[in-house]
Protein backbone atom coordinates (compact mmCIF):
# COMPACT_ATOMS: atom_id res chain seq x y z
CA UNK A 1 -30.99 87.41 67.27
CA UNK A 2 -29.07 85.29 69.77
CA UNK A 3 -25.32 85.90 69.76
CA UNK A 4 -22.64 83.93 71.58
CA UNK A 5 -19.39 85.59 72.66
CA UNK A 6 -16.52 83.29 73.58
CA UNK A 7 -14.99 85.43 76.33
CA UNK A 8 -12.97 82.60 77.88
CA UNK A 9 -9.68 84.33 76.95
CA UNK A 10 -10.47 87.50 78.93
CA UNK A 11 -9.79 88.37 82.55
CA UNK A 12 -8.98 91.46 84.63
CA UNK A 13 -5.38 91.70 83.40
CA UNK A 14 -5.04 94.86 81.26
CA UNK A 15 -4.54 94.30 77.52
CA UNK A 16 -5.60 95.80 74.23
CA UNK A 17 -7.83 92.81 73.47
CA UNK A 18 -9.44 93.08 76.90
CA UNK A 19 -10.13 96.80 76.39
CA UNK A 20 -11.59 96.14 72.94
CA UNK A 21 -13.98 93.52 74.26
CA UNK A 22 -15.12 95.53 77.26
CA UNK A 23 -15.85 98.75 75.37
CA UNK A 24 -16.65 97.70 71.79
CA UNK A 25 -18.93 94.83 72.71
CA UNK A 26 -20.38 96.79 75.61
CA UNK A 27 -21.44 99.46 73.12
CA UNK A 28 -22.80 96.80 70.74
CA UNK A 29 -24.86 95.18 73.51
CA UNK A 30 -26.32 98.50 74.62
CA UNK A 31 -27.11 99.62 71.07
CA UNK A 32 -29.12 96.46 70.37
CA UNK A 33 -31.41 95.77 73.33
CA UNK A 34 -33.58 93.47 71.20
CA UNK A 35 -30.62 91.10 70.65
CA UNK A 36 -29.67 88.56 73.29
CA UNK A 37 -26.03 87.88 74.12
CA UNK A 38 -24.62 84.77 75.78
CA UNK A 39 -21.19 85.42 77.26
CA UNK A 40 -19.17 82.24 77.75
CA UNK A 41 -16.98 83.05 80.74
CA UNK A 42 -13.69 81.49 81.87
CA UNK A 43 -13.79 79.66 85.17
CA UNK A 44 -11.58 82.30 86.83
CA UNK A 45 -13.27 85.58 85.79
CA UNK A 46 -16.82 86.92 85.74
CA UNK A 47 -16.75 88.71 82.42
CA UNK A 48 -20.51 89.17 82.06
CA UNK A 49 -20.42 91.36 85.18
CA UNK A 50 -18.81 94.05 82.99
CA UNK A 51 -22.25 94.40 81.40
CA UNK A 52 -24.33 94.00 84.56
CA UNK A 53 -26.58 96.90 83.55
CA UNK A 54 -27.66 95.09 80.37
CA UNK A 55 -30.71 92.82 80.72
CA UNK A 56 -30.00 91.25 77.31
CA UNK A 57 -26.81 89.57 78.59
CA UNK A 58 -26.68 86.05 80.00
CA UNK A 59 -23.57 84.66 81.70
CA UNK A 60 -22.54 81.14 80.80
CA UNK A 61 -19.74 79.83 83.09
CA UNK A 62 -17.41 77.31 81.45
CA UNK A 63 -14.65 74.99 82.73
CA UNK A 64 -12.03 76.81 80.61
CA UNK A 65 -9.23 78.90 82.19
CA UNK A 66 -8.62 82.42 80.91
CA UNK A 67 -4.90 81.84 80.28
CA UNK A 68 -3.02 79.11 78.43
CA UNK A 69 -4.07 78.10 74.92
CA UNK A 70 -3.40 74.42 75.52
CA UNK A 71 -5.21 74.46 78.85
CA UNK A 72 -8.27 76.06 77.24
CA UNK A 73 -8.14 73.60 74.38
CA UNK A 74 -7.97 70.64 76.77
CA UNK A 75 -10.73 71.94 79.08
CA UNK A 76 -13.01 72.68 76.14
CA UNK A 77 -12.77 69.27 74.48
CA UNK A 78 -16.05 67.96 75.84
CA UNK A 79 -17.71 71.29 76.41
CA UNK A 80 -18.18 73.32 73.26
CA UNK A 81 -20.10 71.00 70.95
CA UNK A 82 -22.69 70.25 73.60
CA UNK A 83 -23.00 73.87 74.77
CA UNK A 84 -23.31 75.37 71.29
CA UNK A 85 -25.85 72.76 70.17
CA UNK A 86 -27.88 73.49 73.30
CA UNK A 87 -27.86 77.28 72.97
CA UNK A 88 -28.99 77.36 69.31
CA UNK A 89 -27.18 80.61 68.47
CA UNK A 90 -27.65 82.74 65.37
CA UNK A 91 -24.04 83.97 65.46
CA UNK A 92 -20.92 83.07 67.42
CA UNK A 93 -17.78 85.16 67.99
CA UNK A 94 -14.47 83.38 68.63
CA UNK A 95 -11.79 85.72 69.95
CA UNK A 96 -8.70 83.52 70.09
CA UNK A 97 -6.87 80.57 68.59
CA UNK A 98 -7.26 77.62 68.38
CA UNK A 99 -10.68 78.82 67.27
CA UNK A 100 -13.94 77.30 68.47
CA UNK A 101 -16.17 76.97 65.41
CA UNK A 102 -19.90 76.80 66.02
CA UNK A 103 -21.50 73.79 64.30
CA UNK A 104 -24.92 75.33 63.62
CA UNK A 105 -24.36 79.03 62.90
CA UNK A 106 -21.76 81.40 61.38
CA UNK A 107 -18.59 82.00 63.38
CA UNK A 108 -16.63 85.26 63.37
CA UNK A 109 -12.95 85.29 64.27
CA UNK A 110 -10.95 88.36 65.39
CA UNK A 111 -7.24 88.52 64.53
CA UNK A 112 -5.08 91.19 66.18
CA UNK A 113 -1.79 90.34 64.47
CA UNK A 114 0.09 87.51 62.78
CA UNK A 115 3.12 87.32 65.07
CA UNK A 116 2.99 83.51 65.57
CA UNK A 117 3.17 82.80 61.82
CA UNK A 118 5.73 85.40 60.75
CA UNK A 119 9.16 84.37 59.54
CA UNK A 120 10.86 85.60 62.72
CA UNK A 121 8.75 83.29 64.92
CA UNK A 122 10.57 80.19 66.15
CA UNK A 123 10.15 76.74 64.67
CA UNK A 124 8.32 74.40 65.18
CA UNK A 125 5.82 76.73 66.83
CA UNK A 126 5.50 78.76 63.62
CA UNK A 127 4.50 75.69 61.61
CA UNK A 128 1.90 74.67 64.19
CA UNK A 129 0.55 78.22 64.34
CA UNK A 130 0.29 78.41 60.55
CA UNK A 131 -1.73 75.17 60.45
CA UNK A 132 -4.02 76.32 63.29
CA UNK A 133 -4.60 79.73 61.71
CA UNK A 134 -5.16 78.32 58.24
CA UNK A 135 -7.80 75.90 59.52
CA UNK A 136 -9.56 78.58 61.59
CA UNK A 137 -9.69 81.07 58.72
CA UNK A 138 -11.08 78.40 56.44
CA UNK A 139 -13.93 77.57 58.80
CA UNK A 140 -14.91 81.07 59.98
CA UNK A 141 -17.68 82.82 58.08
CA UNK A 142 -15.83 86.12 58.41
CA UNK A 143 -12.57 87.33 59.91
CA UNK A 144 -12.26 90.67 61.68
CA UNK A 145 -8.89 92.43 61.44
CA UNK A 146 -8.00 95.34 63.71
CA UNK A 147 -6.36 97.32 60.88
CA UNK A 148 -6.15 97.39 57.10
CA UNK A 149 -2.52 96.36 57.48
CA UNK A 150 -3.48 93.13 59.24
CA UNK A 151 -6.33 92.57 56.79
CA UNK A 152 -3.78 92.69 53.95
CA UNK A 153 -1.51 90.24 55.79
CA UNK A 154 -4.44 87.87 56.23
CA UNK A 155 -5.38 88.03 52.55
CA UNK A 156 -1.79 87.28 51.64
CA UNK A 157 -1.74 84.36 54.06
CA UNK A 158 -5.03 82.97 52.69
CA UNK A 159 -6.04 84.47 49.32
CA UNK A 160 -9.77 84.97 48.84
CA UNK A 161 -10.46 85.24 52.57
CA UNK A 162 -13.46 87.31 53.66
CA UNK A 163 -11.95 89.97 55.95
CA UNK A 164 -13.56 93.04 57.48
CA UNK A 165 -11.51 95.76 59.17
CA UNK A 166 -12.74 96.97 62.54
CA UNK A 167 -10.37 99.26 64.41
CA UNK A 168 -9.65 99.21 68.11
CA UNK A 169 -11.00 102.23 69.90
CA UNK A 170 -10.52 104.67 72.71
CA UNK A 171 -12.78 106.64 75.04
CA UNK A 172 -11.50 110.23 74.79
CA UNK A 173 -12.96 111.16 78.20
CA UNK A 174 -10.71 108.53 79.78
CA UNK A 175 -7.69 110.48 78.53
CA UNK A 176 -8.79 114.00 79.35
CA UNK A 177 -6.31 116.02 81.36
CA UNK A 178 -6.34 115.13 85.07
CA UNK A 179 -6.13 117.83 87.76
CA UNK A 180 -2.66 119.37 88.16
CA UNK A 181 -2.48 117.81 91.64
CA UNK A 182 -2.80 114.34 90.11
CA UNK A 183 0.06 115.03 87.71
CA UNK A 184 2.18 116.38 90.55
CA UNK A 185 1.41 113.29 92.64
CA UNK A 186 2.46 110.97 89.80
CA UNK A 187 5.65 112.97 89.30
CA UNK A 188 6.50 112.57 92.96
CA UNK A 189 5.50 108.91 93.22
CA UNK A 190 7.55 107.83 90.20
CA UNK A 191 10.30 110.47 90.48
CA UNK A 192 9.65 111.73 86.98
CA UNK A 193 11.89 114.38 85.40
CA UNK A 194 10.51 117.83 84.65
CA UNK A 195 10.50 117.10 80.89
CA UNK A 196 10.60 113.66 79.31
CA UNK A 197 9.51 111.52 76.40
CA UNK A 198 7.26 108.55 77.13
CA UNK A 199 7.21 105.04 75.70
CA UNK A 200 4.37 102.66 76.60
CA UNK A 201 4.25 98.90 76.02
CA UNK A 202 5.32 95.58 77.44
CA UNK A 203 9.09 95.01 77.45
CA UNK A 204 9.12 92.68 74.43
CA UNK A 205 11.61 92.18 71.61
CA UNK A 206 9.24 93.55 68.98
CA UNK A 207 8.81 96.82 70.87
CA UNK A 208 12.31 97.73 69.65
CA UNK A 209 13.18 99.67 72.79
CA UNK A 210 16.93 99.26 72.32
CA UNK A 211 16.73 101.47 69.22
CA UNK A 212 15.05 104.10 71.37
CA UNK A 213 17.76 103.84 74.03
CA UNK A 214 20.40 104.16 71.29
CA UNK A 215 18.61 107.32 70.11
CA UNK A 216 18.76 108.80 73.62
CA UNK A 217 22.51 108.10 73.60
CA UNK A 218 22.83 109.75 70.17
CA UNK A 219 21.04 112.84 71.45
CA UNK A 220 23.29 113.04 74.49
CA UNK A 221 26.34 112.79 72.19
CA UNK A 222 25.00 115.96 70.50
CA UNK A 223 24.84 117.68 73.88
CA UNK A 224 21.07 117.16 74.22
CA UNK A 225 19.84 115.41 77.34
CA UNK A 226 16.35 114.06 76.62
CA UNK A 227 15.05 111.90 79.48
CA UNK A 228 13.06 108.79 78.57
CA UNK A 229 10.42 107.10 80.71
CA UNK A 230 9.45 103.59 79.59
CA UNK A 231 6.22 102.22 81.07
CA UNK A 232 5.72 98.51 80.54
CA UNK A 233 5.42 95.23 82.35
CA UNK A 234 7.97 92.43 81.80
CA UNK A 235 7.68 90.72 78.43
CA UNK A 236 10.94 88.83 77.97
CA UNK A 237 13.32 91.57 76.77
CA UNK A 238 14.21 93.08 80.14
CA UNK A 239 17.83 91.91 80.10
CA UNK A 240 18.47 93.23 76.58
CA UNK A 241 17.02 96.61 77.53
CA UNK A 242 18.98 96.83 80.79
CA UNK A 243 22.19 95.90 78.94
CA UNK A 244 21.65 98.69 76.40
CA UNK A 245 20.98 101.26 79.12
CA UNK A 246 24.11 100.21 81.00
CA UNK A 247 26.27 100.10 77.87
CA UNK A 248 25.45 103.75 77.17
CA UNK A 249 25.63 104.71 80.86
CA UNK A 250 22.11 106.10 80.64
CA UNK A 251 20.90 105.13 84.11
CA UNK A 252 20.32 108.80 84.88
CA UNK A 253 18.35 109.47 81.70
CA UNK A 254 16.24 106.35 81.17
CA UNK A 255 13.67 105.03 83.65
CA UNK A 256 11.85 101.71 83.21
CA UNK A 257 8.62 101.54 85.22
CA UNK A 258 6.25 98.59 85.68
CA UNK A 259 3.00 98.23 87.59
CA UNK A 260 1.78 101.70 86.59
CA UNK A 261 -1.99 102.04 86.97
CA UNK A 262 -4.29 103.94 84.61
CA UNK A 263 -4.47 107.10 86.73
CA UNK A 264 -0.69 107.48 86.87
CA UNK A 265 -0.29 106.53 83.21
CA UNK A 266 -2.83 109.21 82.30
CA UNK A 267 -0.82 111.72 84.32
CA UNK A 268 2.34 110.64 82.47
CA UNK A 269 0.68 111.08 79.08
CA UNK A 270 -0.18 114.66 80.01
CA UNK A 271 3.18 115.38 81.64
CA UNK A 272 5.37 114.11 78.79
CA UNK A 273 6.66 116.19 75.88
CA UNK A 274 5.85 113.44 73.38
CA UNK A 275 5.08 109.75 73.02
CA UNK A 276 7.72 107.68 71.23
CA UNK A 277 6.60 104.34 69.77
CA UNK A 278 9.53 102.51 68.13
CA UNK A 279 7.87 99.10 67.71
CA UNK A 280 9.00 96.86 64.86
CA UNK A 281 5.69 95.01 64.53
CA UNK A 282 2.14 95.71 65.72
CA UNK A 283 -1.30 94.77 64.56
CA UNK A 284 -2.64 98.06 65.83
CA UNK A 285 -0.86 100.14 68.48
CA UNK A 286 -3.10 101.24 71.34
CA UNK A 287 -0.59 103.77 72.79
CA UNK A 288 -0.75 105.76 69.54
CA UNK A 289 -4.49 106.25 69.90
CA UNK A 290 -4.21 106.91 73.64
CA UNK A 291 -1.63 109.62 72.99
CA UNK A 292 -3.85 111.14 70.30
CA UNK A 293 -6.77 111.15 72.76
CA UNK A 294 -4.55 112.78 75.39
CA UNK A 295 -3.49 115.47 72.92
CA UNK A 296 0.17 114.51 72.79
CA UNK A 297 2.50 114.65 69.77
CA UNK A 298 4.04 111.40 68.59
CA UNK A 299 7.27 110.10 67.11
CA UNK A 300 6.88 106.55 65.76
CA UNK A 301 8.64 103.94 63.68
CA UNK A 302 7.78 104.11 60.01
CA UNK A 303 5.70 100.95 59.64
CA UNK A 304 2.63 100.34 57.52
CA UNK A 305 0.24 100.08 60.44
CA UNK A 306 1.51 103.25 62.14
CA UNK A 307 1.20 105.13 58.84
CA UNK A 308 -2.36 103.85 58.62
CA UNK A 309 -3.32 104.82 62.15
CA UNK A 310 -1.44 108.08 62.69
CA UNK A 311 -0.37 109.52 59.34
CA UNK A 312 -0.15 113.26 59.80
CA UNK A 313 -0.23 112.88 63.59
CA UNK A 314 3.27 111.45 64.03
CA UNK A 315 6.85 112.20 63.07
CA UNK A 316 8.13 108.93 61.59
CA UNK A 317 11.61 107.42 61.73
CA UNK A 318 12.99 104.30 60.01
CA UNK A 319 13.57 101.03 61.81
CA UNK A 320 17.18 100.28 62.59
CA UNK A 321 18.40 103.90 62.44
CA UNK A 322 19.13 105.38 65.87
CA UNK A 323 20.41 108.67 64.41
CA UNK A 324 17.19 109.21 62.43
CA UNK A 325 15.19 108.28 65.52
CA UNK A 326 17.08 110.95 67.44
CA UNK A 327 16.33 113.46 64.66
CA UNK A 328 12.59 112.72 64.82
CA UNK A 329 12.50 112.98 68.60
CA UNK A 330 14.39 116.26 68.62
CA UNK A 331 12.17 117.73 65.90
CA UNK A 332 9.04 117.13 68.00
CA UNK A 333 10.74 118.03 71.30
CA UNK A 334 12.15 121.37 70.13
CA UNK A 335 9.59 122.62 67.60
CA UNK A 336 6.33 123.72 69.28
CA UNK A 337 4.71 124.46 65.91
CA UNK A 338 5.41 120.92 64.65
CA UNK A 339 4.15 119.44 67.91
CA UNK A 340 0.97 121.51 67.64
CA UNK A 341 0.37 120.39 64.04
CA UNK A 342 0.74 116.74 65.05
CA UNK A 343 -1.70 117.14 67.94
CA UNK A 344 -4.30 118.86 65.74
CA UNK A 345 -3.96 116.16 63.08
CA UNK A 346 -4.47 113.53 65.77
CA UNK A 347 -7.66 115.18 66.98
CA UNK A 348 -9.03 115.00 63.44
CA UNK A 349 -8.41 111.22 63.45
CA UNK A 350 -10.19 110.52 66.75
CA UNK A 351 -13.66 109.85 65.27
CA UNK A 352 -12.24 106.74 63.53
CA UNK A 353 -11.57 105.25 66.96
CA UNK A 354 -14.90 106.02 68.63
CA UNK A 355 -16.35 102.87 70.21
CA UNK A 356 -19.94 103.96 69.52
CA UNK A 357 -19.30 104.26 65.78
CA UNK A 358 -17.24 101.06 65.73
CA UNK A 359 -20.05 99.17 67.47
CA UNK A 360 -22.50 100.42 64.83
CA UNK A 361 -20.18 99.02 62.13
CA UNK A 362 -20.05 95.70 63.97
CA UNK A 363 -23.82 95.58 64.36
CA UNK A 364 -24.28 96.16 60.63
CA UNK A 365 -21.82 93.35 59.92
CA UNK A 366 -23.76 91.01 62.23
CA UNK A 367 -26.94 91.74 60.28
CA UNK A 368 -25.26 91.05 56.93
CA UNK A 369 -23.77 87.78 58.09
CA UNK A 370 -26.99 86.62 59.73
CA UNK A 371 -28.86 87.25 56.46
CA UNK A 372 -26.29 85.49 54.22
């Protein structure tokens, strides 16, 4: 079988989609040495080099940039039809919108979330996104959703759609405890408090970090100082977050860190008392699974996708309720038995997020679609 992977949206910048492609498809490629994979690369990144040890991978450079939907669409106008006709694929994976649909073989499309088409997205972009998504879903042979929650949203958006759920994954060894010296070095480098809660994610509106800051203020009003370390690169909500921190005079209790590498983030996972994930909307939630792999207890917003991914492994709190958020944080912070139960429940969930098993599911799906 000859499989094409449209990797033109990937580069070296860390992201959940990037991690999924590198590890899930790396496992798939290595599990199926008799299949051949053509990786269509962006002009500014050598993605096939991630699988340099795999003789069944062929790099196909393209004129498309890795960033900018419109720029990719423009650069691909005269490229895709000719390239896909030439390569005579048995299956083609499109990983982003607007979707490239192969003319001569089934196309699979991965959807991470439906943010662009939700009611809180701005017009007219929402209307354009709805039209683009509707057309892509109609032309793809199968759509992959990263959670059952997103699969349900997709079926509601387009009834009768063929959707398969394939979780994102984690490599537990990547989140094993580092040496104590590494934790101490990260503490010193980032001036971390002795005990703290950790939040991980880009500083975006949907991450709902102001509710978390309000909860820290509520805890302090009860006489409980619970330091918060937020790790995330800029995402458009920096001013709102800074305003909330200043309004509560929490500069001494809340740190916002950007540019944190994996080694220091790993040290922070193992140094923190708990992970707090207050996001209002996610398609998956990589930090939840990373915290589970690192053996940390979790407090998270009570959303459908977080219930799906971490039920039993997290203390949930409602959106929009800072006092309840404070209650959930304090329960995990102050009750070692509760924290231990959450960690043990998380360890029981880890096999669902194993890249080897997920790649086997994907390989079986490829076979079914190829035989349809």
